[in-house]
């Protein structure tokens, strides 16, 4: 599982949301993608939670050109560095 906290640069909140939604739509088509959730808080803070079938699927996701394109835009879209954590899922569910 990957969890990221992204703080949008002032004025870039809607642009970041659109970009995250585009990546989520493309990720849905990935063979090993299990779940992808984007949440937006007041103040332009975004929480992204991603689950993949295995490490190979996660690596393939981050190697995808549309993910690399978004990551390359982070300096213009984000205020500061993203906080990203990789973790093993202990319990949970996806419907």
PDB file of N, CA and C in Angstrom:
ATOM      1  N   UNK A   1       0.846  -1.170   0.000  1.00  0.00           N
ATOM      2  CA  UNK A   1       0.000   0.000   0.000  1.00  0.00           C
ATOM      3  C   UNK A   1       0.892   1.234   0.000  1.00  0.00           C
ATOM      4  N   UNK A   2       0.448   2.248  -0.724  1.00  0.00           N
ATOM      5  CA  UNK A   2       1.159   3.523  -0.775  1.00  0.00           C
ATOM      6  C   UNK A   2       0.203   4.595  -0.262  1.00  0.00           C
ATOM      7  N   UNK A   3       0.685   5.428   0.647  1.00  0.00           N
ATOM      8  CA  UNK A   3      -0.099   6.547   1.156  1.00  0.00           C
ATOM      9  C   UNK A   3       0.727   7.807   0.935  1.00  0.00           C
ATOM     10  N   UNK A   4       0.097   8.809   0.312  1.00  0.00           N
ATOM     11  CA  UNK A   4       0.803  10.057   0.047  1.00  0.00           C
ATOM     12  C   UNK A   4      -0.022  11.233   0.545  1.00  0.00           C
ATOM     13  N   UNK A   5       0.673  12.212   1.099  1.00  0.00           N
ATOM     14  CA  UNK A   5       0.061  13.479   1.491  1.00  0.00           C
ATOM     15  C   UNK A   5       0.695  14.552   0.611  1.00  0.00           C
ATOM     16  N   UNK A   6      -0.162  15.267  -0.108  1.00  0.00           N
ATOM     17  CA  UNK A   6       0.292  16.277  -1.048  1.00  0.00           C
ATOM     18  C   UNK A   6      -0.332  17.616  -0.670  1.00  0.00           C
ATOM     19  N   UNK A   7       0.489  18.639  -0.551  1.00  0.00           N
ATOM     20  CA  UNK A   7      -0.009  19.983  -0.275  1.00  0.00           C
ATOM     21  C   UNK A   7       0.078  20.786  -1.560  1.00  0.00           C
ATOM     22  N   UNK A   8      -1.086  21.160  -2.104  1.00  0.00           N
ATOM     23  CA  UNK A   8      -1.112  21.923  -3.348  1.00  0.00           C
ATOM     24  C   UNK A   8      -0.562  23.327  -3.126  1.00  0.00           C
ATOM     25  N   UNK A   9       0.129  23.802  -4.123  1.00  0.00           N
ATOM     26  CA  UNK A   9       0.575  25.195  -4.135  1.00  0.00           C
ATOM     27  C   UNK A   9      -0.672  26.071  -4.252  1.00  0.00           C
ATOM     28  N   UNK A  10      -0.690  27.202  -3.599  1.00  0.00           N
ATOM     29  CA  UNK A  10      -1.824  28.114  -3.639  1.00  0.00           C
ATOM     30  C   UNK A  10      -2.180  28.440  -5.090  1.00  0.00           C
ATOM     31  N   UNK A  11      -3.433  28.239  -5.432  1.00  0.00           N
ATOM     32  CA  UNK A  11      -3.907  28.483  -6.792  1.00  0.00           C
ATOM     33  C   UNK A  11      -3.828  27.279  -7.698  1.00  0.00           C
ATOM     34  N   UNK A  12      -3.189  26.191  -7.232  1.00  0.00           N
ATOM     35  CA  UNK A  12      -3.030  24.987  -8.046  1.00  0.00           C
ATOM     36  C   UNK A  12      -3.898  23.826  -7.554  1.00  0.00           C
ATOM     37  N   UNK A  13      -4.771  24.087  -6.594  1.00  0.00           N
ATOM     38  CA  UNK A  13      -5.570  23.031  -5.982  1.00  0.00           C
ATOM     39  C   UNK A  13      -6.420  22.277  -7.016  1.00  0.00           C
ATOM     40  N   UNK A  14      -7.134  23.002  -7.842  1.00  0.00           N
ATOM     41  CA  UNK A  14      -8.005  22.356  -8.829  1.00  0.00           C
ATOM     42  C   UNK A  14      -7.205  21.663  -9.918  1.00  0.00           C
ATOM     43  N   UNK A  15      -6.078  22.235 -10.287  1.00  0.00           N
ATOM     44  CA  UNK A  15      -5.211  21.619 -11.298  1.00  0.00           C
ATOM     45  C   UNK A  15      -4.670  20.297 -10.767  1.00  0.00           C
ATOM     46  N   UNK A  16      -4.236  20.290  -9.508  1.00  0.00           N
ATOM     47  CA  UNK A  16      -3.728  19.058  -8.903  1.00  0.00           C
ATOM     48  C   UNK A  16      -4.837  18.023  -8.807  1.00  0.00           C
ATOM     49  N   UNK A  17      -6.020  18.442  -8.385  1.00  0.00           N
ATOM     50  CA  UNK A  17      -7.137  17.492  -8.298  1.00  0.00           C
ATOM     51  C   UNK A  17      -7.424  16.852  -9.652  1.00  0.00           C
ATOM     52  N   UNK A  18      -7.465  17.645 -10.694  1.00  0.00           N
ATOM     53  CA  UNK A  18      -7.713  17.113 -12.036  1.00  0.00           C
ATOM     54  C   UNK A  18      -6.626  16.122 -12.439  1.00  0.00           C
ATOM     55  N   UNK A  19      -5.375  16.470 -12.172  1.00  0.00           N
ATOM     56  CA  UNK A  19      -4.264  15.586 -12.525  1.00  0.00           C
ATOM     57  C   UNK A  19      -4.339  14.273 -11.758  1.00  0.00           C
ATOM     58  N   UNK A  20      -4.675  14.331 -10.473  1.00  0.00           N
ATOM     59  CA  UNK A  20      -4.798  13.108  -9.672  1.00  0.00           C
ATOM     60  C   UNK A  20      -5.959  12.241 -10.165  1.00  0.00           C
ATOM     61  N   UNK A  21      -7.047  12.872 -10.544  1.00  0.00           N
ATOM     62  CA  UNK A  21      -8.192  12.117 -11.067  1.00  0.00           C
ATOM     63  C   UNK A  21      -7.848  11.437 -12.393  1.00  0.00           C
ATOM     64  N   UNK A  22      -7.072  12.108 -13.225  1.00  0.00           N
ATOM     65  CA  UNK A  22      -6.642  11.515 -14.493  1.00  0.00           C
ATOM     66  C   UNK A  22      -5.756  10.297 -14.251  1.00  0.00           C
ATOM     67  N   UNK A  23      -4.828  10.410 -13.315  1.00  0.00           N
ATOM     68  CA  UNK A  23      -3.963   9.271 -12.992  1.00  0.00           C
ATOM     69  C   UNK A  23      -4.790   8.135 -12.392  1.00  0.00           C
ATOM     70  N   UNK A  24      -5.757   8.459 -11.545  1.00  0.00           N
ATOM     71  CA  UNK A  24      -6.614   7.422 -10.954  1.00  0.00           C
ATOM     72  C   UNK A  24      -7.365   6.662 -12.046  1.00  0.00           C
ATOM     73  N   UNK A  25      -7.884   7.380 -13.030  1.00  0.00           N
ATOM     74  CA  UNK A  25      -8.620   6.725 -14.121  1.00  0.00           C
ATOM     75  C   UNK A  25      -7.720   5.795 -14.916  1.00  0.00           C
ATOM     76  N   UNK A  26      -6.499   6.200 -15.173  1.00  0.00           N
ATOM     77  CA  UNK A  26      -5.559   5.355 -15.922  1.00  0.00           C
ATOM     78  C   UNK A  26      -5.092   4.178 -15.072  1.00  0.00           C
ATOM     79  N   UNK A  27      -4.916   4.416 -13.765  1.00  0.00           N
ATOM     80  CA  UNK A  27      -4.480   3.357 -12.859  1.00  0.00           C
ATOM     81  C   UNK A  27      -5.528   2.258 -12.778  1.00  0.00           C
ATOM     82  N   UNK A  28      -6.792   2.631 -12.881  1.00  0.00           N
ATOM     83  CA  UNK A  28      -7.883   1.647 -12.834  1.00  0.00           C
ATOM     84  C   UNK A  28      -7.707   0.560 -13.894  1.00  0.00           C
ATOM     85  N   UNK A  29      -7.059   0.898 -14.993  1.00  0.00           N
ATOM     86  CA  UNK A  29      -6.838  -0.051 -16.092  1.00  0.00           C
ATOM     87  C   UNK A  29      -5.612  -0.942 -15.873  1.00  0.00           C
ATOM     88  N   UNK A  30      -4.808  -0.644 -14.878  1.00  0.00           N
ATOM     89  CA  UNK A  30      -3.612  -1.449 -14.622  1.00  0.00           C
ATOM     90  C   UNK A  30      -4.003  -2.810 -14.066  1.00  0.00           C
ATOM     91  N   UNK A  31      -3.382  -3.839 -14.566  1.00  0.00           N
ATOM     92  CA  UNK A  31      -3.683  -5.216 -14.184  1.00  0.00           C
ATOM     93  C   UNK A  31      -3.597  -5.443 -12.677  1.00  0.00           C
ATOM     94  N   UNK A  32      -2.562  -4.926 -12.032  1.00  0.00           N
ATOM     95  CA  UNK A  32      -2.339  -5.208 -10.620  1.00  0.00           C
ATOM     96  C   UNK A  32      -2.865  -4.169  -9.655  1.00  0.00           C
ATOM     97  N   UNK A  33      -3.599  -3.173 -10.157  1.00  0.00           N
ATOM     98  CA  UNK A  33      -4.145  -2.144  -9.270  1.00  0.00           C
ATOM     99  C   UNK A  33      -5.379  -2.690  -8.560  1.00  0.00           C
ATOM    100  N   UNK A  34      -5.392  -2.582  -7.234  1.00  0.00           N
ATOM    101  CA  UNK A  34      -6.492  -3.087  -6.414  1.00  0.00           C
ATOM    102  C   UNK A  34      -7.402  -1.938  -5.969  1.00  0.00           C
ATOM    103  N   UNK A  35      -6.811  -0.816  -5.563  1.00  0.00           N
ATOM    104  CA  UNK A  35      -7.595   0.327  -5.089  1.00  0.00           C
ATOM    105  C   UNK A  35      -6.771   1.596  -5.257  1.00  0.00           C
ATOM    106  N   UNK A  36      -7.475   2.697  -5.488  1.00  0.00           N
ATOM    107  CA  UNK A  36      -6.821   4.001  -5.624  1.00  0.00           C
ATOM    108  C   UNK A  36      -7.828   5.035  -5.176  1.00  0.00           C
ATOM    109  N   UNK A  37      -7.523   5.758  -4.121  1.00  0.00           N
ATOM    110  CA  UNK A  37      -8.448   6.725  -3.544  1.00  0.00           C
ATOM    111  C   UNK A  37      -7.752   8.066  -3.382  1.00  0.00           C
ATOM    112  N   UNK A  38      -8.433   9.131  -3.793  1.00  0.00           N
ATOM    113  CA  UNK A  38      -7.924  10.491  -3.616  1.00  0.00           C
ATOM    114  C   UNK A  38      -8.922  11.248  -2.755  1.00  0.00           C
ATOM    115  N   UNK A  39      -8.440  11.849  -1.676  1.00  0.00           N
ATOM    116  CA  UNK A  39      -9.269  12.689  -0.819  1.00  0.00           C
ATOM    117  C   UNK A  39      -8.707  14.097  -0.792  1.00  0.00           C
ATOM    118  N   UNK A  40      -9.602  15.076  -0.739  1.00  0.00           N
ATOM    119  CA  UNK A  40      -9.179  16.480  -0.686  1.00  0.00           C
ATOM    120  C   UNK A  40      -9.692  17.116   0.590  1.00  0.00           C
ATOM    121  N   UNK A  41      -8.793  17.780   1.301  1.00  0.00           N
ATOM    122  CA  UNK A  41      -9.143  18.478   2.530  1.00  0.00           C
ATOM    123  C   UNK A  41      -9.126  19.983   2.279  1.00  0.00           C
ATOM    124  N   UNK A  42      -9.701  20.726   3.212  1.00  0.00           N
ATOM    125  CA  UNK A  42      -9.610  22.180   3.138  1.00  0.00           C
ATOM    126  C   UNK A  42      -8.149  22.593   3.141  1.00  0.00           C
ATOM    127  N   UNK A  43      -7.854  23.677   2.501  1.00  0.00           N
ATOM    128  CA  UNK A  43      -6.482  24.169   2.480  1.00  0.00           C
ATOM    129  C   UNK A  43      -5.626  23.542   1.404  1.00  0.00           C
ATOM    130  N   UNK A  44      -6.235  22.783   0.495  1.00  0.00           N
ATOM    131  CA  UNK A  44      -5.481  22.214  -0.621  1.00  0.00           C
ATOM    132  C   UNK A  44      -4.618  21.022  -0.281  1.00  0.00           C
ATOM    133  N   UNK A  45      -4.958  20.328   0.768  1.00  0.00           N
ATOM    134  CA  UNK A  45      -4.214  19.127   1.153  1.00  0.00           C
ATOM    135  C   UNK A  45      -4.928  17.903   0.570  1.00  0.00           C
ATOM    136  N   UNK A  46      -4.167  17.022  -0.079  1.00  0.00           N
ATOM    137  CA  UNK A  46      -4.708  15.816  -0.691  1.00  0.00           C
ATOM    138  C   UNK A  46      -4.106  14.581  -0.041  1.00  0.00           C
ATOM    139  N   UNK A  47      -4.934  13.576   0.159  1.00  0.00           N
ATOM    140  CA  UNK A  47      -4.498  12.275   0.654  1.00  0.00           C
ATOM    141  C   UNK A  47      -4.750  11.258  -0.452  1.00  0.00           C
ATOM    142  N   UNK A  48      -3.731  10.500  -0.784  1.00  0.00           N
ATOM    143  CA  UNK A  48      -3.845   9.480  -1.831  1.00  0.00           C
ATOM    144  C   UNK A  48      -3.475   8.139  -1.218  1.00  0.00           C
ATOM    145  N   UNK A  49      -4.369   7.152  -1.367  1.00  0.00           N
ATOM    146  CA  UNK A  49      -4.112   5.795  -0.873  1.00  0.00           C
ATOM    147  C   UNK A  49      -4.223   4.843  -2.058  1.00  0.00           C
ATOM    148  N   UNK A  50      -3.191   4.045  -2.250  1.00  0.00           N
ATOM    149  CA  UNK A  50      -3.127   3.139  -3.392  1.00  0.00           C
ATOM    150  C   UNK A  50      -2.812   1.723  -2.911  1.00  0.00           C
ATOM    151  N   UNK A  51      -3.467   0.737  -3.527  1.00  0.00           N
ATOM    152  CA  UNK A  51      -3.155  -0.667  -3.221  1.00  0.00           C
ATOM    153  C   UNK A  51      -2.919  -1.417  -4.516  1.00  0.00           C
ATOM    154  N   UNK A  52      -1.920  -2.282  -4.474  1.00  0.00           N
ATOM    155  CA  UNK A  52      -1.553  -3.079  -5.633  1.00  0.00           C
ATOM    156  C   UNK A  52      -1.481  -4.541  -5.225  1.00  0.00           C
ATOM    157  N   UNK A  53      -1.658  -5.422  -6.177  1.00  0.00           N
ATOM    158  CA  UNK A  53      -1.678  -6.861  -5.912  1.00  0.00           C
ATOM    159  C   UNK A  53      -0.348  -7.339  -5.329  1.00  0.00           C
ATOM    160  N   UNK A  54       0.743  -6.727  -5.758  1.00  0.00           N
ATOM    161  CA  UNK A  54       2.064  -7.119  -5.277  1.00  0.00           C
ATOM    162  C   UNK A  54       3.064  -6.005  -5.593  1.00  0.00           C
ATOM    163  N   UNK A  55       4.288  -6.208  -5.181  1.00  0.00           N
ATOM    164  CA  UNK A  55       5.329  -5.186  -5.370  1.00  0.00           C
ATOM    165  C   UNK A  55       5.591  -4.924  -6.854  1.00  0.00           C
ATOM    166  N   UNK A  56       5.511  -5.973  -7.666  1.00  0.00           N
ATOM    167  CA  UNK A  56       5.741  -5.809  -9.100  1.00  0.00           C
ATOM    168  C   UNK A  56       4.692  -4.888  -9.715  1.00  0.00           C
ATOM    169  N   UNK A  57       3.445  -5.035  -9.292  1.00  0.00           N
ATOM    170  CA  UNK A  57       2.373  -4.179  -9.801  1.00  0.00           C
ATOM    171  C   UNK A  57       2.595  -2.730  -9.359  1.00  0.00           C
ATOM    172  N   UNK A  58       3.049  -2.544  -8.138  1.00  0.00           N
ATOM    173  CA  UNK A  58       3.342  -1.201  -7.630  1.00  0.00           C
ATOM    174  C   UNK A  58       4.486  -0.579  -8.432  1.00  0.00           C
ATOM    175  N   UNK A  59       5.537  -1.354  -8.660  1.00  0.00           N
ATOM    176  CA  UNK A  59       6.672  -0.858  -9.435  1.00  0.00           C
ATOM    177  C   UNK A  59       6.249  -0.503 -10.859  1.00  0.00           C
ATOM    178  N   UNK A  60       5.397  -1.329 -11.457  1.00  0.00           N
ATOM    179  CA  UNK A  60       4.911  -1.062 -12.815  1.00  0.00           C
ATOM    180  C   UNK A  60       4.109   0.238 -12.847  1.00  0.00           C
ATOM    181  N   UNK A  61       3.314   0.470 -11.808  1.00  0.00           N
ATOM    182  CA  UNK A  61       2.537   1.707 -11.735  1.00  0.00           C
ATOM    183  C   UNK A  61       3.460   2.922 -11.738  1.00  0.00           C
ATOM    184  N   UNK A  62       4.465   2.909 -10.882  1.00  0.00           N
ATOM    185  CA  UNK A  62       5.351   4.057 -10.782  1.00  0.00           C
ATOM    186  C   UNK A  62       6.261   4.202 -12.004  1.00  0.00           C
ATOM    187  N   UNK A  63       6.372   3.160 -12.805  1.00  0.00           N
ATOM    188  CA  UNK A  63       7.147   3.233 -14.044  1.00  0.00           C
ATOM    189  C   UNK A  63       6.316   3.721 -15.225  1.00  0.00           C
ATOM    190  N   UNK A  64       4.997   3.798 -15.053  1.00  0.00           N
ATOM    191  CA  UNK A  64       4.113   4.223 -16.139  1.00  0.00           C
ATOM    192  C   UNK A  64       4.381   5.677 -16.510  1.00  0.00           C
ATOM    193  N   UNK A  65       4.312   5.978 -17.797  1.00  0.00           N
ATOM    194  CA  UNK A  65       4.628   7.328 -18.276  1.00  0.00           C
ATOM    195  C   UNK A  65       3.702   8.385 -17.686  1.00  0.00           C
ATOM    196  N   UNK A  66       2.416   8.073 -17.493  1.00  0.00           N
ATOM    197  CA  UNK A  66       1.494   9.069 -16.954  1.00  0.00           C
ATOM    198  C   UNK A  66       1.777   9.375 -15.485  1.00  0.00           C
ATOM    199  N   UNK A  67       2.335   8.426 -14.753  1.00  0.00           N
ATOM    200  CA  UNK A  67       2.737   8.689 -13.370  1.00  0.00           C
ATOM    201  C   UNK A  67       4.007   9.538 -13.364  1.00  0.00           C
ATOM    202  N   UNK A  68       4.962   9.183 -14.214  1.00  0.00           N
ATOM    203  CA  UNK A  68       6.197   9.971 -14.320  1.00  0.00           C
ATOM    204  C   UNK A  68       5.889  11.407 -14.734  1.00  0.00           C
ATOM    205  N   UNK A  69       4.928  11.582 -15.637  1.00  0.00           N
ATOM    206  CA  UNK A  69       4.548  12.932 -16.068  1.00  0.00           C
ATOM    207  C   UNK A  69       3.986  13.743 -14.903  1.00  0.00           C
ATOM    208  N   UNK A  70       3.138  13.117 -14.078  1.00  0.00           N
ATOM    209  CA  UNK A  70       2.587  13.815 -12.920  1.00  0.00           C
ATOM    210  C   UNK A  70       3.690  14.153 -11.918  1.00  0.00           C
ATOM    211  N   UNK A  71       4.549  13.202 -11.633  1.00  0.00           N
ATOM    212  CA  UNK A  71       5.640  13.452 -10.687  1.00  0.00           C
ATOM    213  C   UNK A  71       6.526  14.605 -11.160  1.00  0.00           C
ATOM    214  N   UNK A  72       6.745  14.707 -12.461  1.00  0.00           N
ATOM    215  CA  UNK A  72       7.566  15.789 -13.012  1.00  0.00           C
ATOM    216  C   UNK A  72       6.896  17.149 -12.830  1.00  0.00           C
ATOM    217  N   UNK A  73       5.576  17.166 -12.698  1.00  0.00           N
ATOM    218  CA  UNK A  73       4.825  18.418 -12.500  1.00  0.00           C
ATOM    219  C   UNK A  73       4.735  18.834 -11.033  1.00  0.00           C
ATOM    220  N   UNK A  74       5.150  17.964 -10.117  1.00  0.00           N
ATOM    221  CA  UNK A  74       5.028  18.272  -8.698  1.00  0.00           C
ATOM    222  C   UNK A  74       5.668  19.604  -8.297  1.00  0.00           C
ATOM    223  N   UNK A  75       6.831  19.975  -8.807  1.00  0.00           N
ATOM    224  CA  UNK A  75       7.404  21.267  -8.394  1.00  0.00           C
ATOM    225  C   UNK A  75       6.482  22.465  -8.669  1.00  0.00           C
ATOM    226  N   UNK A  76       5.716  22.419  -9.744  1.00  0.00           N
ATOM    227  CA  UNK A  76       4.801  23.521 -10.051  1.00  0.00           C
ATOM    228  C   UNK A  76       3.472  23.392  -9.315  1.00  0.00           C
ATOM    229  N   UNK A  77       3.087  22.157  -8.955  1.00  0.00           N
ATOM    230  CA  UNK A  77       1.783  21.919  -8.355  1.00  0.00           C
ATOM    231  C   UNK A  77       1.786  21.882  -6.837  1.00  0.00           C
ATOM    232  N   UNK A  78       2.916  21.487  -6.244  1.00  0.00           N
ATOM    233  CA  UNK A  78       2.955  21.277  -4.796  1.00  0.00           C
ATOM    234  C   UNK A  78       3.714  22.365  -4.066  1.00  0.00           C
ATOM    235  N   UNK A  79       3.284  22.592  -2.845  1.00  0.00           N
ATOM    236  CA  UNK A  79       3.991  23.466  -1.920  1.00  0.00           C
ATOM    237  C   UNK A  79       4.795  22.549  -1.001  1.00  0.00           C
ATOM    238  N   UNK A  80       6.029  22.302  -1.358  1.00  0.00           N
ATOM    239  CA  UNK A  80       6.873  21.389  -0.582  1.00  0.00           C
ATOM    240  C   UNK A  80       6.901  19.997  -1.196  1.00  0.00           C
ATOM    241  N   UNK A  81       7.638  19.150  -0.550  1.00  0.00           N
ATOM    242  CA  UNK A  81       7.796  17.770  -1.010  1.00  0.00           C
ATOM    243  C   UNK A  81       6.594  16.921  -0.597  1.00  0.00           C
ATOM    244  N   UNK A  82       6.223  15.954  -1.414  1.00  0.00           N
ATOM    245  CA  UNK A  82       5.156  15.040  -0.998  1.00  0.00           C
ATOM    246  C   UNK A  82       5.653  14.145   0.130  1.00  0.00           C
ATOM    247  N   UNK A  83       4.737  13.765   1.006  1.00  0.00           N
ATOM    248  CA  UNK A  83       5.058  12.787   2.047  1.00  0.00           C
ATOM    249  C   UNK A  83       4.518  11.448   1.553  1.00  0.00           C
ATOM    250  N   UNK A  84       5.387  10.487   1.337  1.00  0.00           N
ATOM    251  CA  UNK A  84       4.987   9.197   0.780  1.00  0.00           C
ATOM    252  C   UNK A  84       5.461   8.079   1.696  1.00  0.00           C
ATOM    253  N   UNK A  85       4.552   7.169   1.990  1.00  0.00           N
ATOM    254  CA  UNK A  85       4.868   6.008   2.824  1.00  0.00           C
ATOM    255  C   UNK A  85       4.452   4.731   2.098  1.00  0.00           C
ATOM    256  N   UNK A  86       5.314   3.742   2.129  1.00  0.00           N
ATOM    257  CA  UNK A  86       4.996   2.410   1.611  1.00  0.00           C
ATOM    258  C   UNK A  86       4.784   1.507   2.812  1.00  0.00           C
ATOM    259  N   UNK A  87       3.706   0.743   2.809  1.00  0.00           N
ATOM    260  CA  UNK A  87       3.396  -0.101   3.955  1.00  0.00           C
ATOM    261  C   UNK A  87       2.761  -1.404   3.495  1.00  0.00           C
ATOM    262  N   UNK A  88       2.826  -2.402   4.349  1.00  0.00           N
ATOM    263  CA  UNK A  88       2.132  -3.670   4.098  1.00  0.00           C
ATOM    264  C   UNK A  88       0.754  -3.596   4.742  1.00  0.00           C
ATOM    265  N   UNK A  89      -0.246  -4.036   4.015  1.00  0.00           N
ATOM    266  CA  UNK A  89      -1.604  -4.014   4.543  1.00  0.00           C
ATOM    267  C   UNK A  89      -1.756  -5.141   5.551  1.00  0.00           C
ATOM    268  N   UNK A  90      -2.228  -4.806   6.729  1.00  0.00           N
ATOM    269  CA  UNK A  90      -2.458  -5.791   7.773  1.00  0.00           C
ATOM    270  C   UNK A  90      -3.897  -6.285   7.722  1.00  0.00           C
ATOM    271  N   UNK A  91      -4.824  -5.358   7.516  1.00  0.00           N
ATOM    272  CA  UNK A  91      -6.244  -5.718   7.405  1.00  0.00           C
ATOM    273  C   UNK A  91      -6.952  -4.617   6.656  1.00  0.00           C
ATOM    274  N   UNK A  92      -8.150  -4.870   6.231  1.00  0.00           N
ATOM    275  CA  UNK A  92      -8.955  -3.900   5.515  1.00  0.00           C
ATOM    276  C   UNK A  92      -9.804  -4.590   4.468  1.00  0.00           C
ATOM    277  N   UNK A  93     -10.555  -3.791   3.712  1.00  0.00           N
ATOM    278  CA  UNK A  93     -11.369  -4.378   2.645  1.00  0.00           C
ATOM    279  C   UNK A  93     -11.604  -3.351   1.557  1.00  0.00           C
ATOM    280  N   UNK A  94     -11.941  -3.847   0.386  1.00  0.00           N
ATOM    281  CA  UNK A  94     -12.339  -3.043  -0.758  1.00  0.00           C
ATOM    282  C   UNK A  94     -13.588  -3.699  -1.319  1.00  0.00           C
ATOM    283  N   UNK A  95     -14.630  -2.913  -1.499  1.00  0.00           N
ATOM    284  CA  UNK A  95     -15.871  -3.474  -2.073  1.00  0.00           C
ATOM    285  C   UNK A  95     -15.931  -3.213  -3.537  1.00  0.00           C
TER     286      UNK A  95
END
